[in-house]
Amino acid sequence: MFTGIIEGMGRIVALTREAGNLHLTVESAISGELKIDQSVAHNGVCLTVVGLQGQTHTVTAIAETLSKTNLGSLQINDTVNLERCTRVGDRLDGHIVQGHVDQTGTCVSVVEQNGSWLFTFQYSPGPNHVVVEKGSVCINGISLTAFNANDNLFSVAIIPYTWQHTNMQHVRAGDAVNLEFDIIGKYVARMMGFAS
């Protein structure tokens, strides 16, 4: 489990394809502290550390993961948001994030607003794709509050700290982002019989 509070950004230094899998080697400030078999969210995708070398770590994304996330479009020197799994007893500063991306959404617009940034995203509606006004949503692994929410659009506001410490600074209109909808909302939708 994760919280959507990003620990730092990593830089893609190598990409290796093997059959339907993609091995991603990431350089980051936390790589030297990781262990083999550890779960780390990369742009909100829970992946297992399979290799360590100096200040880099390697993870593997399988075909299913690549089909549902933006990891397959990463290139050398791109940045990814990183978060290690939550420890029992830690504060839950964001919201409950599983690291299981539901779909990619598309950035519709980015508007600078005198010190903050307003992002609007479009997504494919569905019974388990729940975004509510002032509710939580996870974008590229970041716990954010949604507003102006309707059937397939919502907005989020990015403060300067989040802009500086996540890869939201690189997101432009037309870019794909990883979306994980709030797990509580998905359970409520299923219990109400909205899910297929």
N, C-alpha and C. Protein backbone atom coordinates (compact mmCIF):
# COMPACT_ATOMS: atom_id res chain seq x y z
N MET A 1 0.85 -1.18 0.00
CA MET A 1 0.00 0.00 0.00
C MET A 1 0.89 1.24 0.00
N PHE A 2 0.37 2.31 -0.60
CA PHE A 2 1.08 3.57 -0.69
C PHE A 2 0.15 4.69 -0.23
N THR A 3 0.67 5.91 -0.18
CA THR A 3 -0.14 7.04 0.27
C THR A 3 -0.27 8.13 -0.77
N GLY A 4 0.52 8.06 -1.85
CA GLY A 4 0.48 9.11 -2.85
C GLY A 4 1.32 10.31 -2.49
N ILE A 5 2.18 10.17 -1.48
CA ILE A 5 3.12 11.23 -1.11
C ILE A 5 4.47 10.86 -1.71
N ILE A 6 4.87 11.57 -2.73
CA ILE A 6 6.06 11.22 -3.51
C ILE A 6 7.33 11.50 -2.71
N GLU A 7 8.24 10.50 -2.68
CA GLU A 7 9.51 10.67 -1.97
C GLU A 7 10.55 11.40 -2.81
N GLY A 8 10.45 11.26 -4.10
CA GLY A 8 11.41 11.90 -4.98
C GLY A 8 11.20 11.44 -6.40
N MET A 9 11.97 12.01 -7.30
CA MET A 9 11.90 11.61 -8.70
C MET A 9 13.12 10.77 -9.05
N GLY A 10 12.91 9.83 -9.96
CA GLY A 10 13.99 9.04 -10.49
C GLY A 10 14.15 9.32 -11.97
N ARG A 11 15.36 9.10 -12.49
CA ARG A 11 15.63 9.32 -13.90
C ARG A 11 15.87 7.99 -14.59
N ILE A 12 15.18 7.77 -15.70
CA ILE A 12 15.35 6.53 -16.45
C ILE A 12 16.73 6.56 -17.12
N VAL A 13 17.57 5.56 -16.79
CA VAL A 13 18.91 5.51 -17.37
C VAL A 13 19.08 4.32 -18.33
N ALA A 14 18.16 3.36 -18.28
CA ALA A 14 18.22 2.23 -19.23
C ALA A 14 16.84 1.61 -19.36
N LEU A 15 16.53 1.17 -20.57
CA LEU A 15 15.29 0.46 -20.89
C LEU A 15 15.66 -0.77 -21.71
N THR A 16 15.25 -1.95 -21.22
CA THR A 16 15.60 -3.18 -21.90
C THR A 16 14.35 -4.02 -22.09
N ARG A 17 14.06 -4.38 -23.32
CA ARG A 17 12.90 -5.23 -23.60
C ARG A 17 13.33 -6.69 -23.62
N GLU A 18 12.50 -7.53 -23.02
CA GLU A 18 12.73 -8.97 -22.99
C GLU A 18 11.38 -9.65 -23.17
N ALA A 19 11.18 -10.20 -24.38
CA ALA A 19 9.86 -10.75 -24.75
C ALA A 19 8.83 -9.63 -24.57
N GLY A 20 7.77 -9.88 -23.79
CA GLY A 20 6.75 -8.85 -23.59
C GLY A 20 7.01 -7.94 -22.42
N ASN A 21 8.15 -8.11 -21.75
CA ASN A 21 8.46 -7.33 -20.55
C ASN A 21 9.37 -6.16 -20.87
N LEU A 22 9.34 -5.18 -19.98
CA LEU A 22 10.23 -4.03 -20.08
C LEU A 22 10.95 -3.86 -18.75
N HIS A 23 12.29 -3.93 -18.78
CA HIS A 23 13.10 -3.69 -17.59
C HIS A 23 13.49 -2.21 -17.58
N LEU A 24 13.18 -1.53 -16.48
CA LEU A 24 13.48 -0.11 -16.34
C LEU A 24 14.55 0.06 -15.27
N THR A 25 15.64 0.71 -15.62
CA THR A 25 16.68 1.03 -14.64
C THR A 25 16.59 2.51 -14.33
N VAL A 26 16.50 2.80 -13.03
CA VAL A 26 16.20 4.14 -12.56
C VAL A 26 17.30 4.61 -11.62
N GLU A 27 17.77 5.82 -11.83
CA GLU A 27 18.73 6.45 -10.93
C GLU A 27 17.98 7.41 -10.03
N SER A 28 18.19 7.29 -8.72
CA SER A 28 17.47 8.16 -7.79
C SER A 28 18.20 8.26 -6.47
N ALA A 29 17.78 9.22 -5.65
CA ALA A 29 18.37 9.42 -4.33
C ALA A 29 18.04 8.28 -3.38
N ILE A 30 16.95 7.53 -3.64
CA ILE A 30 16.57 6.45 -2.72
C ILE A 30 17.03 5.08 -3.21
N SER A 31 17.56 5.00 -4.43
CA SER A 31 17.92 3.69 -4.99
C SER A 31 18.91 2.94 -4.11
N GLY A 32 19.89 3.66 -3.52
CA GLY A 32 20.89 3.01 -2.68
C GLY A 32 20.34 2.46 -1.39
N GLU A 33 19.12 2.85 -1.02
CA GLU A 33 18.49 2.38 0.21
C GLU A 33 17.53 1.22 -0.02
N LEU A 34 17.30 0.87 -1.28
CA LEU A 34 16.33 -0.16 -1.60
C LEU A 34 16.91 -1.56 -1.42
N LYS A 35 16.04 -2.57 -1.41
CA LYS A 35 16.43 -3.96 -1.31
C LYS A 35 15.75 -4.75 -2.42
N ILE A 36 16.37 -5.82 -2.84
CA ILE A 36 15.75 -6.72 -3.80
C ILE A 36 14.43 -7.22 -3.22
N ASP A 37 13.40 -7.30 -4.05
CA ASP A 37 12.06 -7.76 -3.66
C ASP A 37 11.20 -6.66 -3.05
N GLN A 38 11.75 -5.46 -2.89
CA GLN A 38 10.99 -4.37 -2.28
C GLN A 38 10.00 -3.81 -3.30
N SER A 39 8.83 -3.39 -2.82
CA SER A 39 7.81 -2.77 -3.67
C SER A 39 8.00 -1.26 -3.68
N VAL A 40 8.07 -0.71 -4.88
CA VAL A 40 8.23 0.74 -5.05
C VAL A 40 7.26 1.18 -6.14
N ALA A 41 6.53 2.26 -5.89
CA ALA A 41 5.64 2.82 -6.90
C ALA A 41 6.42 3.72 -7.85
N HIS A 42 6.28 3.46 -9.15
CA HIS A 42 6.90 4.26 -10.20
C HIS A 42 5.76 4.88 -11.01
N ASN A 43 5.60 6.21 -10.90
CA ASN A 43 4.44 6.88 -11.52
C ASN A 43 3.13 6.22 -11.08
N GLY A 44 3.12 5.76 -9.83
CA GLY A 44 1.90 5.16 -9.28
C GLY A 44 1.74 3.69 -9.55
N VAL A 45 2.70 3.05 -10.20
CA VAL A 45 2.62 1.62 -10.52
C VAL A 45 3.50 0.86 -9.54
N CYS A 46 2.91 -0.06 -8.80
CA CYS A 46 3.66 -0.87 -7.85
C CYS A 46 4.52 -1.88 -8.62
N LEU A 47 5.84 -1.78 -8.47
CA LEU A 47 6.77 -2.68 -9.16
C LEU A 47 7.78 -3.22 -8.15
N THR A 48 8.30 -4.41 -8.42
CA THR A 48 9.24 -5.07 -7.53
C THR A 48 10.67 -4.80 -7.97
N VAL A 49 11.51 -4.41 -7.02
CA VAL A 49 12.92 -4.19 -7.31
C VAL A 49 13.58 -5.55 -7.60
N VAL A 50 14.19 -5.67 -8.78
CA VAL A 50 14.83 -6.94 -9.18
C VAL A 50 16.34 -6.81 -9.34
N GLY A 51 16.85 -5.58 -9.31
CA GLY A 51 18.29 -5.37 -9.45
C GLY A 51 18.73 -4.08 -8.81
N LEU A 52 19.96 -4.08 -8.27
CA LEU A 52 20.53 -2.90 -7.62
C LEU A 52 21.97 -2.74 -8.05
N GLN A 53 22.35 -1.51 -8.34
CA GLN A 53 23.75 -1.22 -8.65
C GLN A 53 24.02 0.25 -8.36
N GLY A 54 24.84 0.51 -7.33
CA GLY A 54 25.15 1.89 -6.97
C GLY A 54 23.89 2.67 -6.64
N GLN A 55 23.71 3.79 -7.32
CA GLN A 55 22.54 4.63 -7.10
C GLN A 55 21.44 4.37 -8.12
N THR A 56 21.40 3.13 -8.65
CA THR A 56 20.32 2.77 -9.57
C THR A 56 19.64 1.50 -9.09
N HIS A 57 18.39 1.35 -9.50
CA HIS A 57 17.65 0.11 -9.26
C HIS A 57 16.89 -0.25 -10.53
N THR A 58 16.58 -1.54 -10.66
CA THR A 58 15.88 -2.03 -11.85
C THR A 58 14.58 -2.70 -11.43
N VAL A 59 13.53 -2.43 -12.19
CA VAL A 59 12.22 -3.05 -11.99
C VAL A 59 11.74 -3.57 -13.34
N THR A 60 10.76 -4.46 -13.31
CA THR A 60 10.23 -5.05 -14.54
C THR A 60 8.74 -4.81 -14.64
N ALA A 61 8.32 -4.30 -15.80
CA ALA A 61 6.89 -4.12 -16.10
C ALA A 61 6.50 -5.17 -17.14
N ILE A 62 5.46 -5.95 -16.83
CA ILE A 62 4.99 -6.98 -17.76
C ILE A 62 4.02 -6.36 -18.77
N ALA A 63 3.64 -7.15 -19.75
CA ALA A 63 2.79 -6.65 -20.84
C ALA A 63 1.47 -6.06 -20.33
N GLU A 64 0.85 -6.71 -19.34
CA GLU A 64 -0.41 -6.20 -18.78
C GLU A 64 -0.21 -4.81 -18.20
N THR A 65 0.88 -4.61 -17.48
CA THR A 65 1.18 -3.31 -16.90
C THR A 65 1.42 -2.27 -17.98
N LEU A 66 2.17 -2.65 -19.00
CA LEU A 66 2.47 -1.71 -20.08
C LEU A 66 1.22 -1.29 -20.84
N SER A 67 0.24 -2.20 -20.93
CA SER A 67 -0.99 -1.89 -21.68
C SER A 67 -1.91 -0.94 -20.93
N LYS A 68 -1.75 -0.83 -19.60
CA LYS A 68 -2.67 -0.03 -18.81
C LYS A 68 -2.04 1.21 -18.20
N THR A 69 -0.75 1.43 -18.47
CA THR A 69 -0.05 2.56 -17.84
C THR A 69 0.76 3.33 -18.89
N ASN A 70 1.41 4.39 -18.43
CA ASN A 70 2.26 5.17 -19.33
C ASN A 70 3.73 4.74 -19.29
N LEU A 71 4.03 3.63 -18.60
CA LEU A 71 5.43 3.20 -18.48
C LEU A 71 6.03 2.81 -19.82
N GLY A 72 5.22 2.26 -20.71
CA GLY A 72 5.73 1.83 -22.01
C GLY A 72 6.19 2.97 -22.90
N SER A 73 5.77 4.18 -22.59
CA SER A 73 6.15 5.33 -23.42
C SER A 73 7.36 6.08 -22.86
N LEU A 74 7.90 5.60 -21.73
CA LEU A 74 9.06 6.27 -21.13
C LEU A 74 10.28 6.16 -22.03
N GLN A 75 11.12 7.18 -21.98
CA GLN A 75 12.36 7.20 -22.74
C GLN A 75 13.51 7.52 -21.79
N ILE A 76 14.74 7.28 -22.26
CA ILE A 76 15.92 7.58 -21.46
C ILE A 76 15.89 9.06 -21.05
N ASN A 77 16.21 9.32 -19.79
CA ASN A 77 16.24 10.65 -19.16
C ASN A 77 14.88 11.16 -18.73
N ASP A 78 13.79 10.44 -19.04
CA ASP A 78 12.49 10.81 -18.49
C ASP A 78 12.51 10.61 -16.98
N THR A 79 11.65 11.34 -16.28
CA THR A 79 11.56 11.21 -14.83
C THR A 79 10.29 10.47 -14.43
N VAL A 80 10.40 9.72 -13.33
CA VAL A 80 9.26 9.02 -12.75
C VAL A 80 9.15 9.41 -11.28
N ASN A 81 7.92 9.48 -10.79
CA ASN A 81 7.68 9.73 -9.38
C ASN A 81 7.87 8.43 -8.60
N LEU A 82 8.56 8.49 -7.47
CA LEU A 82 8.88 7.31 -6.68
C LEU A 82 8.31 7.41 -5.27
N GLU A 83 7.77 6.28 -4.80
CA GLU A 83 7.32 6.18 -3.41
C GLU A 83 7.50 4.75 -2.94
N ARG A 84 8.16 4.58 -1.81
CA ARG A 84 8.25 3.27 -1.20
C ARG A 84 6.94 2.96 -0.47
N CYS A 85 6.69 1.67 -0.24
CA CYS A 85 5.43 1.28 0.39
C CYS A 85 5.35 1.82 1.82
N THR A 86 4.12 1.96 2.28
CA THR A 86 3.85 2.51 3.61
C THR A 86 4.23 1.52 4.69
N ARG A 87 4.82 2.02 5.77
CA ARG A 87 5.12 1.19 6.93
C ARG A 87 3.99 1.31 7.94
N VAL A 88 3.68 0.21 8.62
CA VAL A 88 2.65 0.23 9.66
C VAL A 88 3.07 1.24 10.72
N GLY A 89 2.15 2.10 11.09
CA GLY A 89 2.42 3.12 12.09
C GLY A 89 2.74 4.48 11.51
N ASP A 90 3.00 4.54 10.18
CA ASP A 90 3.25 5.84 9.56
C ASP A 90 1.96 6.64 9.45
N ARG A 91 2.10 7.95 9.36
CA ARG A 91 0.94 8.80 9.12
C ARG A 91 0.47 8.60 7.67
N LEU A 92 -0.84 8.64 7.48
CA LEU A 92 -1.42 8.54 6.14
C LEU A 92 -1.67 9.97 5.65
N ASP A 93 -0.62 10.59 5.10
CA ASP A 93 -0.72 12.01 4.72
C ASP A 93 -1.50 12.22 3.43
N GLY A 94 -1.54 11.22 2.56
CA GLY A 94 -2.28 11.36 1.32
C GLY A 94 -3.62 10.63 1.43
N HIS A 95 -3.76 9.53 0.67
CA HIS A 95 -4.92 8.66 0.82
C HIS A 95 -4.48 7.24 0.50
N ILE A 96 -5.36 6.28 0.65
CA ILE A 96 -5.00 4.88 0.42
C ILE A 96 -4.81 4.65 -1.08
N VAL A 97 -3.60 4.31 -1.45
CA VAL A 97 -3.24 4.07 -2.85
C VAL A 97 -2.69 2.65 -2.95
N GLN A 98 -3.20 1.87 -3.89
CA GLN A 98 -2.77 0.48 -4.03
C GLN A 98 -1.57 0.30 -4.95
N GLY A 99 -1.37 1.24 -5.84
CA GLY A 99 -0.32 1.05 -6.83
C GLY A 99 -0.81 0.24 -8.02
N HIS A 100 -2.14 0.14 -8.14
CA HIS A 100 -2.77 -0.58 -9.25
C HIS A 100 -3.48 0.43 -10.14
N VAL A 101 -2.85 0.83 -11.21
CA VAL A 101 -3.39 1.86 -12.09
C VAL A 101 -4.64 1.35 -12.80
N ASP A 102 -5.68 2.16 -12.81
CA ASP A 102 -6.94 1.77 -13.46
C ASP A 102 -6.90 2.03 -14.96
N GLN A 103 -6.30 3.14 -15.35
CA GLN A 103 -6.22 3.50 -16.77
C GLN A 103 -5.31 4.70 -16.92
N THR A 104 -4.97 5.01 -18.16
CA THR A 104 -4.30 6.28 -18.41
C THR A 104 -5.35 7.31 -18.76
N GLY A 105 -5.13 8.53 -18.29
CA GLY A 105 -5.95 9.66 -18.68
C GLY A 105 -5.12 10.59 -19.53
N THR A 106 -5.78 11.56 -20.14
CA THR A 106 -5.09 12.51 -21.01
C THR A 106 -5.17 13.90 -20.43
N CYS A 107 -4.04 14.58 -20.38
CA CYS A 107 -4.04 15.98 -19.95
C CYS A 107 -4.70 16.82 -21.03
N VAL A 108 -5.74 17.54 -20.66
CA VAL A 108 -6.47 18.40 -21.60
C VAL A 108 -5.86 19.79 -21.63
N SER A 109 -5.47 20.29 -20.45
CA SER A 109 -4.91 21.63 -20.40
C SER A 109 -4.10 21.83 -19.13
N VAL A 110 -3.16 22.76 -19.22
CA VAL A 110 -2.37 23.21 -18.07
C VAL A 110 -2.42 24.73 -18.07
N VAL A 111 -2.91 25.33 -16.99
CA VAL A 111 -3.03 26.79 -16.91
C VAL A 111 -2.30 27.27 -15.67
N GLU A 112 -1.32 28.16 -15.88
CA GLU A 112 -0.63 28.75 -14.73
C GLU A 112 -1.53 29.80 -14.11
N GLN A 113 -1.62 29.78 -12.77
CA GLN A 113 -2.53 30.67 -12.06
C GLN A 113 -1.81 31.45 -10.97
N ASN A 114 -0.84 32.26 -11.38
CA ASN A 114 -0.16 33.16 -10.44
C ASN A 114 0.41 32.40 -9.24
N GLY A 115 1.24 31.41 -9.51
CA GLY A 115 1.90 30.69 -8.42
C GLY A 115 1.44 29.26 -8.25
N SER A 116 0.38 28.87 -8.91
CA SER A 116 -0.06 27.47 -8.90
C SER A 116 -0.44 27.10 -10.34
N TRP A 117 -0.76 25.83 -10.53
CA TRP A 117 -1.08 25.36 -11.88
C TRP A 117 -2.38 24.56 -11.83
N LEU A 118 -3.26 24.84 -12.78
CA LEU A 118 -4.54 24.13 -12.90
C LEU A 118 -4.42 23.13 -14.05
N PHE A 119 -4.53 21.85 -13.72
CA PHE A 119 -4.50 20.78 -14.71
C PHE A 119 -5.90 20.21 -14.87
N THR A 120 -6.30 19.96 -16.12
CA THR A 120 -7.56 19.27 -16.39
C THR A 120 -7.25 18.00 -17.15
N PHE A 121 -7.90 16.90 -16.72
CA PHE A 121 -7.66 15.59 -17.31
C PHE A 121 -8.97 14.97 -17.79
N GLN A 122 -8.85 14.21 -18.86
CA GLN A 122 -9.97 13.46 -19.42
C GLN A 122 -9.69 11.98 -19.23
N TYR A 123 -10.74 11.20 -18.96
CA TYR A 123 -10.57 9.76 -18.77
C TYR A 123 -11.78 9.03 -19.33
N SER A 124 -11.65 7.72 -19.47
CA SER A 124 -12.76 6.90 -19.98
C SER A 124 -13.69 6.55 -18.83
N PRO A 125 -14.96 6.98 -18.91
CA PRO A 125 -15.89 6.68 -17.81
C PRO A 125 -16.19 5.19 -17.74
N GLY A 126 -16.51 4.73 -16.58
CA GLY A 126 -16.87 3.33 -16.37
C GLY A 126 -17.40 3.16 -14.97
N PRO A 127 -17.97 2.01 -14.66
CA PRO A 127 -18.61 1.80 -13.36
C PRO A 127 -17.66 1.92 -12.18
N ASN A 128 -16.40 1.60 -12.36
CA ASN A 128 -15.44 1.69 -11.25
C ASN A 128 -14.52 2.91 -11.37
N HIS A 129 -14.77 3.75 -12.35
CA HIS A 129 -13.97 4.95 -12.54
C HIS A 129 -14.69 6.11 -11.89
N VAL A 130 -14.43 6.25 -10.59
CA VAL A 130 -15.20 7.19 -9.77
C VAL A 130 -14.32 8.37 -9.36
N VAL A 131 -14.73 9.56 -9.80
CA VAL A 131 -14.09 10.79 -9.34
C VAL A 131 -15.21 11.68 -8.80
N VAL A 132 -15.08 12.06 -7.53
CA VAL A 132 -16.12 12.89 -6.92
C VAL A 132 -15.53 14.25 -6.56
N GLU A 133 -16.39 15.25 -6.51
CA GLU A 133 -15.97 16.60 -6.17
C GLU A 133 -15.30 16.62 -4.80
N LYS A 134 -14.08 17.17 -4.77
CA LYS A 134 -13.26 17.27 -3.55
C LYS A 134 -12.84 15.90 -3.02
N GLY A 135 -12.90 14.88 -3.86
CA GLY A 135 -12.43 13.55 -3.49
C GLY A 135 -10.99 13.35 -3.92
N SER A 136 -10.43 12.22 -3.54
CA SER A 136 -9.04 11.92 -3.85
C SER A 136 -8.91 11.17 -5.17
N VAL A 137 -7.83 11.46 -5.88
CA VAL A 137 -7.48 10.73 -7.09
C VAL A 137 -5.96 10.68 -7.13
N CYS A 138 -5.42 9.61 -7.70
CA CYS A 138 -3.98 9.44 -7.79
C CYS A 138 -3.54 9.63 -9.24
N ILE A 139 -2.65 10.60 -9.48
CA ILE A 139 -2.16 10.91 -10.83
C ILE A 139 -0.65 10.71 -10.84
N ASN A 140 -0.17 9.79 -11.66
CA ASN A 140 1.27 9.46 -11.70
C ASN A 140 1.81 9.21 -10.29
N GLY A 141 0.97 8.60 -9.45
CA GLY A 141 1.38 8.25 -8.10
C GLY A 141 1.18 9.33 -7.07
N ILE A 142 0.66 10.50 -7.46
CA ILE A 142 0.51 11.64 -6.54
C ILE A 142 -0.93 11.70 -6.03
N SER A 143 -1.09 11.75 -4.73
CA SER A 143 -2.41 11.93 -4.13
C SER A 143 -2.84 13.38 -4.30
N LEU A 144 -3.96 13.58 -5.02
CA LEU A 144 -4.44 14.93 -5.30
C LEU A 144 -5.94 15.01 -5.06
N THR A 145 -6.43 16.23 -4.88
CA THR A 145 -7.86 16.48 -4.68
C THR A 145 -8.48 16.93 -5.99
N ALA A 146 -9.54 16.24 -6.41
CA ALA A 146 -10.22 16.55 -7.67
C ALA A 146 -11.32 17.58 -7.45
N PHE A 147 -11.51 18.42 -8.45
CA PHE A 147 -12.65 19.34 -8.46
C PHE A 147 -13.10 19.55 -9.90
N ASN A 148 -14.21 20.27 -10.08
CA ASN A 148 -14.84 20.39 -11.40
C ASN A 148 -15.03 19.01 -12.04
N ALA A 149 -15.41 18.05 -11.20
CA ALA A 149 -15.53 16.66 -11.65
C ALA A 149 -16.86 16.43 -12.34
N ASN A 150 -16.79 15.77 -13.51
CA ASN A 150 -18.02 15.31 -14.17
C ASN A 150 -17.77 13.90 -14.71
N ASP A 151 -18.54 13.46 -15.68
CA ASP A 151 -18.49 12.06 -16.12
C ASP A 151 -17.14 11.61 -16.66
N ASN A 152 -16.40 12.50 -17.30
CA ASN A 152 -15.11 12.06 -17.84
C ASN A 152 -14.02 13.13 -17.78
N LEU A 153 -14.24 14.17 -16.97
CA LEU A 153 -13.26 15.24 -16.81
C LEU A 153 -13.14 15.60 -15.34
N PHE A 154 -11.96 16.03 -14.94
CA PHE A 154 -11.78 16.61 -13.62
C PHE A 154 -10.54 17.48 -13.65
N SER A 155 -10.43 18.34 -12.65
CA SER A 155 -9.26 19.22 -12.54
C SER A 155 -8.58 19.01 -11.20
N VAL A 156 -7.29 19.36 -11.15
CA VAL A 156 -6.54 19.39 -9.90
C VAL A 156 -5.70 20.65 -9.90
N ALA A 157 -5.38 21.14 -8.71
CA ALA A 157 -4.50 22.30 -8.58
C ALA A 157 -3.17 21.82 -8.02
N ILE A 158 -2.08 22.29 -8.61
CA ILE A 158 -0.74 21.89 -8.20
C ILE A 158 -0.05 23.09 -7.55
N ILE A 159 0.38 22.90 -6.29
CA ILE A 159 1.08 23.95 -5.58
C ILE A 159 2.56 23.93 -5.99
N PRO A 160 3.30 25.01 -5.72
CA PRO A 160 4.71 25.05 -6.13
C PRO A 160 5.54 23.89 -5.62
N TYR A 161 5.33 23.44 -4.38
CA TYR A 161 6.14 22.34 -3.83
C TYR A 161 5.93 21.07 -4.67
N THR A 162 4.70 20.75 -4.97
CA THR A 162 4.41 19.55 -5.77
C THR A 162 4.98 19.71 -7.18
N TRP A 163 4.87 20.89 -7.74
CA TRP A 163 5.44 21.18 -9.07
C TRP A 163 6.95 20.90 -9.09
N GLN A 164 7.63 21.36 -8.06
CA GLN A 164 9.09 21.23 -8.01
C GLN A 164 9.56 19.81 -7.71
N HIS A 165 8.76 19.03 -6.97
CA HIS A 165 9.22 17.74 -6.46
C HIS A 165 8.56 16.53 -7.13
N THR A 166 7.82 16.76 -8.20
CA THR A 166 7.22 15.64 -8.95
C THR A 166 7.35 15.92 -10.44
N ASN A 167 6.98 14.92 -11.25
CA ASN A 167 7.09 15.13 -12.70
C ASN A 167 5.87 15.82 -13.30
N MET A 168 5.00 16.39 -12.46
CA MET A 168 3.91 17.22 -13.00
C MET A 168 4.47 18.40 -13.77
N GLN A 169 5.67 18.84 -13.43
CA GLN A 169 6.29 19.97 -14.14
C GLN A 169 6.56 19.65 -15.61
N HIS A 170 6.56 18.36 -15.96
CA HIS A 170 6.82 17.95 -17.34
C HIS A 170 5.55 17.58 -18.11
N VAL A 171 4.41 17.54 -17.44
CA VAL A 171 3.16 17.12 -18.09
C VAL A 171 2.61 18.28 -18.92
N ARG A 172 2.29 17.98 -20.17
CA ARG A 172 1.74 18.97 -21.09
C ARG A 172 0.42 18.45 -21.65
N ALA A 173 -0.36 19.33 -22.26
CA ALA A 173 -1.62 18.93 -22.90
C ALA A 173 -1.33 17.84 -23.92
N GLY A 174 -2.12 16.78 -23.88
CA GLY A 174 -1.95 15.65 -24.78
C GLY A 174 -1.18 14.49 -24.18
N ASP A 175 -0.49 14.73 -23.06
CA ASP A 175 0.29 13.67 -22.42
C ASP A 175 -0.62 12.69 -21.68
N ALA A 176 -0.18 11.44 -21.61
CA ALA A 176 -0.88 10.40 -20.86
C ALA A 176 -0.34 10.35 -19.44
N VAL A 177 -1.24 10.24 -18.47
CA VAL A 177 -0.86 10.08 -17.07
C VAL A 177 -1.55 8.84 -16.51
N ASN A 178 -0.95 8.26 -15.49
CA ASN A 178 -1.54 7.09 -14.83
C ASN A 178 -2.58 7.55 -13.82
N LEU A 179 -3.76 6.94 -13.88
CA LEU A 179 -4.84 7.26 -12.95
C LEU A 179 -5.19 6.05 -12.10
N GLU A 180 -5.24 6.25 -10.81
CA GLU A 180 -5.83 5.25 -9.90
C GLU A 180 -6.95 5.94 -9.15
N PHE A 181 -8.17 5.45 -9.36
CA PHE A 181 -9.33 6.03 -8.70
C PHE A 181 -9.39 5.56 -7.25
N ASP A 182 -10.04 6.33 -6.42
CA ASP A 182 -10.09 6.06 -4.98
C ASP A 182 -10.70 4.69 -4.69
N ILE A 183 -9.96 3.85 -3.95
CA ILE A 183 -10.41 2.49 -3.67
C ILE A 183 -11.71 2.47 -2.88
N ILE A 184 -11.90 3.44 -1.99
CA ILE A 184 -13.15 3.48 -1.22
C ILE A 184 -14.32 3.75 -2.14
N GLY A 185 -14.14 4.68 -3.07
CA GLY A 185 -15.20 4.97 -4.04
C GLY A 185 -15.51 3.76 -4.90
N LYS A 186 -14.48 2.98 -5.27
CA LYS A 186 -14.71 1.80 -6.11
C LYS A 186 -15.49 0.73 -5.34
N TYR A 187 -15.19 0.57 -4.05
CA TYR A 187 -15.94 -0.41 -3.24
C TYR A 187 -17.39 0.03 -3.06
N VAL A 188 -17.58 1.33 -2.81
CA VAL A 188 -18.96 1.84 -2.66
C VAL A 188 -19.74 1.63 -3.95
N ALA A 189 -19.12 1.92 -5.10
CA ALA A 189 -19.80 1.73 -6.39
C ALA A 189 -20.21 0.28 -6.58
N ARG A 190 -19.32 -0.64 -6.23
CA ARG A 190 -19.63 -2.06 -6.40
C ARG A 190 -20.77 -2.47 -5.47
N MET A 191 -20.73 -2.01 -4.22
CA MET A 191 -21.78 -2.37 -3.27
C MET A 191 -23.14 -1.82 -3.68
N MET A 192 -23.12 -0.69 -4.37
CA MET A 192 -24.38 -0.11 -4.82
C MET A 192 -24.88 -0.73 -6.11
N GLY A 193 -24.13 -1.68 -6.64
CA GLY A 193 -24.58 -2.39 -7.82
C GLY A 193 -24.26 -1.68 -9.13
N PHE A 194 -23.38 -0.66 -9.10
CA PHE A 194 -23.04 0.04 -10.32
C PHE A 194 -22.01 -0.71 -11.14
N ALA A 195 -21.21 -1.55 -10.48
CA ALA A 195 -20.15 -2.26 -11.18
C ALA A 195 -20.72 -3.44 -11.96
N SER A 196 -20.11 -3.73 -13.11
CA SER A 196 -20.58 -4.85 -13.90
C SER A 196 -20.01 -6.15 -13.39
